Amino acid sequence: MAVISQESAFPRLTDAEIKIIQSMAERRVYRDGETVFRSGDADIDFFVVESGQIEILNPTDNDRRVTTHGPGEFAGDIDLLTRRRVIVTAVARGDETVLLRVNPRR
């Protein structure tokens, strides 16, 4: 079985791409352990990590960690494209996690 590295599975945005997103985004600060989105939520936003981290958990597997996204990485993109309910939960990690939050209508 082929192993996919985290780098190829989860791309990192360039500074230029982040600047474009900043013009459409709301900046939101999360405390350590605060839920960003939860499995089952509908119509979530697109999130880009500016600082800190978001841990992605699989609630159907005892909240096993799927991955952790750091600065320049993003979450919510698949659900924006498929319009399905979210199947994972995202939790802020670090003293202060700053996310760029883009509403799907943007």
N, C-alpha and C. Protein backbone atom coordinates (compact mmCIF):
# COMPACT_ATOMS: atom_id res chain seq x y z
N MET A 1 0.84 -1.17 0.00
CA MET A 1 0.00 0.00 0.00
C MET A 1 0.89 1.24 0.00
N ALA A 2 0.57 2.21 -0.85
CA ALA A 2 1.34 3.45 -0.93
C ALA A 2 1.04 4.33 0.27
N VAL A 3 2.06 4.99 0.75
CA VAL A 3 1.91 5.92 1.86
C VAL A 3 1.92 7.33 1.31
N ILE A 4 0.93 8.13 1.70
CA ILE A 4 0.86 9.51 1.25
C ILE A 4 1.38 10.39 2.38
N SER A 5 2.35 11.22 2.06
CA SER A 5 2.89 12.11 3.09
C SER A 5 1.89 13.21 3.40
N GLN A 6 1.98 13.75 4.60
CA GLN A 6 1.09 14.85 4.98
C GLN A 6 1.31 16.04 4.05
N GLU A 7 2.55 16.27 3.60
CA GLU A 7 2.84 17.40 2.73
C GLU A 7 2.07 17.31 1.42
N SER A 8 1.98 16.12 0.83
CA SER A 8 1.27 16.00 -0.45
C SER A 8 -0.23 15.89 -0.25
N ALA A 9 -0.67 15.37 0.90
CA ALA A 9 -2.09 15.21 1.15
C ALA A 9 -2.75 16.54 1.53
N PHE A 10 -2.01 17.41 2.22
CA PHE A 10 -2.55 18.66 2.70
C PHE A 10 -1.64 19.80 2.27
N PRO A 11 -1.98 20.46 1.18
CA PRO A 11 -1.11 21.54 0.68
C PRO A 11 -1.10 22.75 1.60
N ARG A 12 -0.09 23.57 1.44
CA ARG A 12 0.06 24.82 2.20
C ARG A 12 -0.10 25.97 1.20
N LEU A 13 -0.88 26.97 1.59
CA LEU A 13 -1.09 28.13 0.73
C LEU A 13 0.15 29.02 0.73
N THR A 14 0.37 29.70 -0.38
CA THR A 14 1.46 30.67 -0.46
C THR A 14 1.03 31.97 0.21
N ASP A 15 1.99 32.84 0.50
CA ASP A 15 1.67 34.15 1.07
C ASP A 15 0.73 34.93 0.16
N ALA A 16 0.95 34.85 -1.15
CA ALA A 16 0.09 35.56 -2.11
C ALA A 16 -1.34 35.03 -2.06
N GLU A 17 -1.50 33.72 -1.95
CA GLU A 17 -2.84 33.15 -1.86
C GLU A 17 -3.53 33.56 -0.56
N ILE A 18 -2.78 33.59 0.52
CA ILE A 18 -3.35 34.00 1.81
C ILE A 18 -3.79 35.46 1.76
N LYS A 19 -3.03 36.32 1.10
CA LYS A 19 -3.42 37.73 0.98
C LYS A 19 -4.75 37.87 0.25
N ILE A 20 -4.97 37.08 -0.76
CA ILE A 20 -6.25 37.11 -1.49
C ILE A 20 -7.38 36.68 -0.56
N ILE A 21 -7.15 35.62 0.19
CA ILE A 21 -8.18 35.10 1.11
C ILE A 21 -8.47 36.11 2.21
N GLN A 22 -7.45 36.82 2.70
CA GLN A 22 -7.66 37.81 3.76
C GLN A 22 -8.68 38.87 3.37
N SER A 23 -8.73 39.21 2.09
CA SER A 23 -9.67 40.24 1.64
C SER A 23 -11.13 39.76 1.72
N MET A 24 -11.34 38.46 1.80
CA MET A 24 -12.70 37.89 1.86
C MET A 24 -13.04 37.34 3.24
N ALA A 25 -12.06 37.30 4.13
CA ALA A 25 -12.20 36.54 5.37
C ALA A 25 -12.48 37.42 6.58
N GLU A 26 -13.04 36.75 7.57
CA GLU A 26 -13.16 37.31 8.91
C GLU A 26 -12.06 36.63 9.73
N ARG A 27 -11.30 37.41 10.48
CA ARG A 27 -10.25 36.85 11.34
C ARG A 27 -10.90 36.49 12.68
N ARG A 28 -10.69 35.26 13.12
CA ARG A 28 -11.31 34.79 14.36
C ARG A 28 -10.24 34.13 15.23
N VAL A 29 -10.25 34.44 16.52
CA VAL A 29 -9.30 33.87 17.47
C VAL A 29 -10.00 32.80 18.29
N TYR A 30 -9.36 31.64 18.40
CA TYR A 30 -9.88 30.50 19.17
C TYR A 30 -8.90 30.18 20.30
N ARG A 31 -9.43 29.77 21.43
CA ARG A 31 -8.63 29.33 22.56
C ARG A 31 -8.32 27.83 22.41
N ASP A 32 -7.28 27.38 23.09
CA ASP A 32 -6.92 25.97 23.06
C ASP A 32 -8.11 25.11 23.49
N GLY A 33 -8.44 24.12 22.68
CA GLY A 33 -9.53 23.20 22.98
C GLY A 33 -10.89 23.65 22.47
N GLU A 34 -10.99 24.87 21.96
CA GLU A 34 -12.28 25.36 21.45
C GLU A 34 -12.60 24.69 20.12
N THR A 35 -13.85 24.26 19.98
CA THR A 35 -14.29 23.60 18.74
C THR A 35 -14.47 24.63 17.63
N VAL A 36 -13.87 24.36 16.49
CA VAL A 36 -13.99 25.23 15.31
C VAL A 36 -15.21 24.81 14.51
N PHE A 37 -15.33 23.52 14.25
CA PHE A 37 -16.55 22.95 13.67
C PHE A 37 -16.67 21.53 14.15
N ARG A 38 -17.89 21.01 14.07
CA ARG A 38 -18.18 19.70 14.65
C ARG A 38 -18.79 18.77 13.58
N SER A 39 -18.47 17.51 13.69
CA SER A 39 -19.06 16.51 12.82
C SER A 39 -20.58 16.65 12.84
N GLY A 40 -21.17 16.64 11.66
CA GLY A 40 -22.62 16.78 11.54
C GLY A 40 -23.07 18.18 11.19
N ASP A 41 -22.17 19.17 11.37
CA ASP A 41 -22.52 20.55 11.00
C ASP A 41 -22.77 20.62 9.50
N ALA A 42 -23.69 21.48 9.12
CA ALA A 42 -23.98 21.71 7.71
C ALA A 42 -23.50 23.10 7.32
N ASP A 43 -23.11 23.25 6.08
CA ASP A 43 -22.74 24.56 5.54
C ASP A 43 -21.66 25.27 6.35
N ILE A 44 -20.54 24.59 6.58
CA ILE A 44 -19.46 25.24 7.33
C ILE A 44 -18.68 26.18 6.43
N ASP A 45 -17.88 27.00 7.06
CA ASP A 45 -17.04 27.94 6.34
C ASP A 45 -15.72 27.28 5.94
N PHE A 46 -14.95 27.98 5.15
CA PHE A 46 -13.60 27.60 4.76
C PHE A 46 -12.66 28.26 5.76
N PHE A 47 -11.73 27.50 6.34
CA PHE A 47 -10.84 28.00 7.37
C PHE A 47 -9.39 27.89 6.93
N VAL A 48 -8.65 28.98 7.06
CA VAL A 48 -7.21 28.99 6.80
C VAL A 48 -6.52 29.32 8.12
N VAL A 49 -5.54 28.51 8.49
CA VAL A 49 -4.81 28.73 9.73
C VAL A 49 -3.78 29.84 9.52
N GLU A 50 -3.94 30.92 10.26
CA GLU A 50 -2.98 32.01 10.22
C GLU A 50 -1.88 31.78 11.27
N SER A 51 -2.29 31.36 12.46
CA SER A 51 -1.34 30.99 13.50
C SER A 51 -1.98 29.96 14.42
N GLY A 52 -1.16 29.22 15.14
CA GLY A 52 -1.67 28.12 15.95
C GLY A 52 -1.92 26.90 15.09
N GLN A 53 -2.85 26.05 15.53
CA GLN A 53 -3.14 24.82 14.81
C GLN A 53 -4.61 24.44 15.00
N ILE A 54 -5.12 23.65 14.07
CA ILE A 54 -6.41 23.00 14.27
C ILE A 54 -6.21 21.49 14.09
N GLU A 55 -6.67 20.77 15.07
CA GLU A 55 -6.57 19.32 15.06
C GLU A 55 -7.87 18.76 14.48
N ILE A 56 -7.74 17.86 13.52
CA ILE A 56 -8.91 17.24 12.88
C ILE A 56 -9.10 15.87 13.50
N LEU A 57 -10.29 15.64 14.05
CA LEU A 57 -10.59 14.40 14.78
C LEU A 57 -11.69 13.61 14.09
N ASN A 58 -11.61 12.28 14.16
CA ASN A 58 -12.61 11.39 13.58
C ASN A 58 -13.53 10.88 14.70
N PRO A 59 -14.75 11.41 14.80
CA PRO A 59 -15.64 11.01 15.89
C PRO A 59 -16.13 9.57 15.78
N THR A 60 -16.04 8.97 14.61
CA THR A 60 -16.48 7.58 14.46
C THR A 60 -15.39 6.59 14.87
N ASP A 61 -14.21 7.12 15.23
CA ASP A 61 -13.09 6.29 15.67
C ASP A 61 -12.54 6.84 17.00
N ASN A 62 -13.44 7.04 17.96
CA ASN A 62 -13.06 7.54 19.30
C ASN A 62 -12.26 8.84 19.25
N ASP A 63 -12.64 9.74 18.34
CA ASP A 63 -11.96 11.03 18.17
C ASP A 63 -10.47 10.89 17.89
N ARG A 64 -10.12 9.86 17.13
CA ARG A 64 -8.73 9.67 16.72
C ARG A 64 -8.30 10.85 15.85
N ARG A 65 -7.06 11.32 16.08
CA ARG A 65 -6.54 12.44 15.29
C ARG A 65 -6.29 11.98 13.85
N VAL A 66 -6.86 12.71 12.91
CA VAL A 66 -6.63 12.45 11.50
C VAL A 66 -5.39 13.20 11.05
N THR A 67 -5.33 14.48 11.41
CA THR A 67 -4.19 15.33 11.09
C THR A 67 -4.27 16.59 11.92
N THR A 68 -3.22 17.37 11.89
CA THR A 68 -3.21 18.69 12.49
C THR A 68 -2.75 19.69 11.44
N HIS A 69 -3.55 20.73 11.22
CA HIS A 69 -3.21 21.76 10.24
C HIS A 69 -2.55 22.94 10.94
N GLY A 70 -1.45 23.40 10.36
CA GLY A 70 -0.73 24.55 10.90
C GLY A 70 -0.85 25.75 9.97
N PRO A 71 -0.08 26.80 10.24
CA PRO A 71 -0.15 28.02 9.45
C PRO A 71 -0.01 27.76 7.94
N GLY A 72 -0.93 28.39 7.20
CA GLY A 72 -0.95 28.25 5.75
C GLY A 72 -1.77 27.08 5.25
N GLU A 73 -2.18 26.21 6.15
CA GLU A 73 -3.01 25.06 5.76
C GLU A 73 -4.47 25.41 5.99
N PHE A 74 -5.37 24.58 5.49
CA PHE A 74 -6.78 24.93 5.51
C PHE A 74 -7.67 23.73 5.72
N ALA A 75 -8.93 24.00 6.07
CA ALA A 75 -9.94 22.96 6.30
C ALA A 75 -11.30 23.49 5.85
N GLY A 76 -12.20 22.56 5.56
CA GLY A 76 -13.54 22.93 5.16
C GLY A 76 -13.75 22.94 3.66
N ASP A 77 -12.68 22.77 2.90
CA ASP A 77 -12.78 22.85 1.45
C ASP A 77 -13.60 21.71 0.85
N ILE A 78 -13.44 20.50 1.32
CA ILE A 78 -14.15 19.35 0.76
C ILE A 78 -15.65 19.52 0.95
N ASP A 79 -16.05 19.96 2.13
CA ASP A 79 -17.47 20.10 2.42
C ASP A 79 -18.09 21.26 1.65
N LEU A 80 -17.31 22.27 1.34
CA LEU A 80 -17.82 23.35 0.49
C LEU A 80 -18.13 22.83 -0.91
N LEU A 81 -17.26 21.95 -1.40
CA LEU A 81 -17.44 21.41 -2.75
C LEU A 81 -18.55 20.36 -2.83
N THR A 82 -18.63 19.51 -1.82
CA THR A 82 -19.60 18.41 -1.86
C THR A 82 -20.95 18.79 -1.26
N ARG A 83 -20.98 19.84 -0.43
CA ARG A 83 -22.18 20.29 0.27
C ARG A 83 -22.75 19.22 1.21
N ARG A 84 -21.91 18.29 1.63
CA ARG A 84 -22.33 17.28 2.60
C ARG A 84 -22.12 17.82 4.01
N ARG A 85 -22.75 17.17 4.97
CA ARG A 85 -22.50 17.51 6.36
C ARG A 85 -21.07 17.11 6.70
N VAL A 86 -20.46 17.83 7.60
CA VAL A 86 -19.07 17.59 7.98
C VAL A 86 -18.95 16.23 8.66
N ILE A 87 -17.90 15.47 8.32
CA ILE A 87 -17.73 14.14 8.91
C ILE A 87 -16.62 14.10 9.96
N VAL A 88 -15.92 15.22 10.16
CA VAL A 88 -14.87 15.30 11.17
C VAL A 88 -15.14 16.50 12.08
N THR A 89 -14.38 16.56 13.16
CA THR A 89 -14.46 17.68 14.09
C THR A 89 -13.11 18.38 14.11
N ALA A 90 -13.11 19.72 14.18
CA ALA A 90 -11.87 20.49 14.24
C ALA A 90 -11.80 21.22 15.58
N VAL A 91 -10.64 21.11 16.23
CA VAL A 91 -10.43 21.72 17.55
C VAL A 91 -9.17 22.57 17.50
N ALA A 92 -9.25 23.79 18.03
CA ALA A 92 -8.09 24.68 18.08
C ALA A 92 -7.06 24.13 19.06
N ARG A 93 -5.78 24.24 18.69
CA ARG A 93 -4.68 23.82 19.56
C ARG A 93 -3.67 24.95 19.65
N GLY A 94 -3.21 25.20 20.85
CA GLY A 94 -2.26 26.29 21.10
C GLY A 94 -2.94 27.38 21.90
N ASP A 95 -2.12 28.22 22.53
CA ASP A 95 -2.67 29.28 23.38
C ASP A 95 -3.65 30.17 22.62
N GLU A 96 -3.32 30.48 21.39
CA GLU A 96 -4.17 31.34 20.58
C GLU A 96 -4.07 30.89 19.13
N THR A 97 -5.16 30.39 18.59
CA THR A 97 -5.20 29.98 17.20
C THR A 97 -5.99 31.03 16.43
N VAL A 98 -5.38 31.60 15.40
CA VAL A 98 -6.05 32.60 14.60
C VAL A 98 -6.37 31.97 13.24
N LEU A 99 -7.66 32.01 12.91
CA LEU A 99 -8.13 31.44 11.64
C LEU A 99 -8.73 32.53 10.78
N LEU A 100 -8.50 32.42 9.49
CA LEU A 100 -9.21 33.23 8.51
C LEU A 100 -10.44 32.42 8.12
N ARG A 101 -11.61 32.99 8.34
CA ARG A 101 -12.85 32.27 8.14
C ARG A 101 -13.61 32.89 6.97
N VAL A 102 -13.82 32.10 5.92
CA VAL A 102 -14.48 32.59 4.71
C VAL A 102 -15.82 31.92 4.57
N ASN A 103 -16.86 32.72 4.53
CA ASN A 103 -18.21 32.21 4.35
C ASN A 103 -18.33 31.66 2.92
N PRO A 104 -19.03 30.53 2.72
CA PRO A 104 -19.15 29.94 1.38
C PRO A 104 -19.74 30.89 0.33
N ARG A 105 -20.56 31.84 0.75
CA ARG A 105 -21.15 32.76 -0.21
C ARG A 105 -20.12 33.73 -0.77
N ARG A 106 -18.98 33.87 -0.08
CA ARG A 106 -17.91 34.76 -0.55
C ARG A 106 -17.16 34.10 -1.68
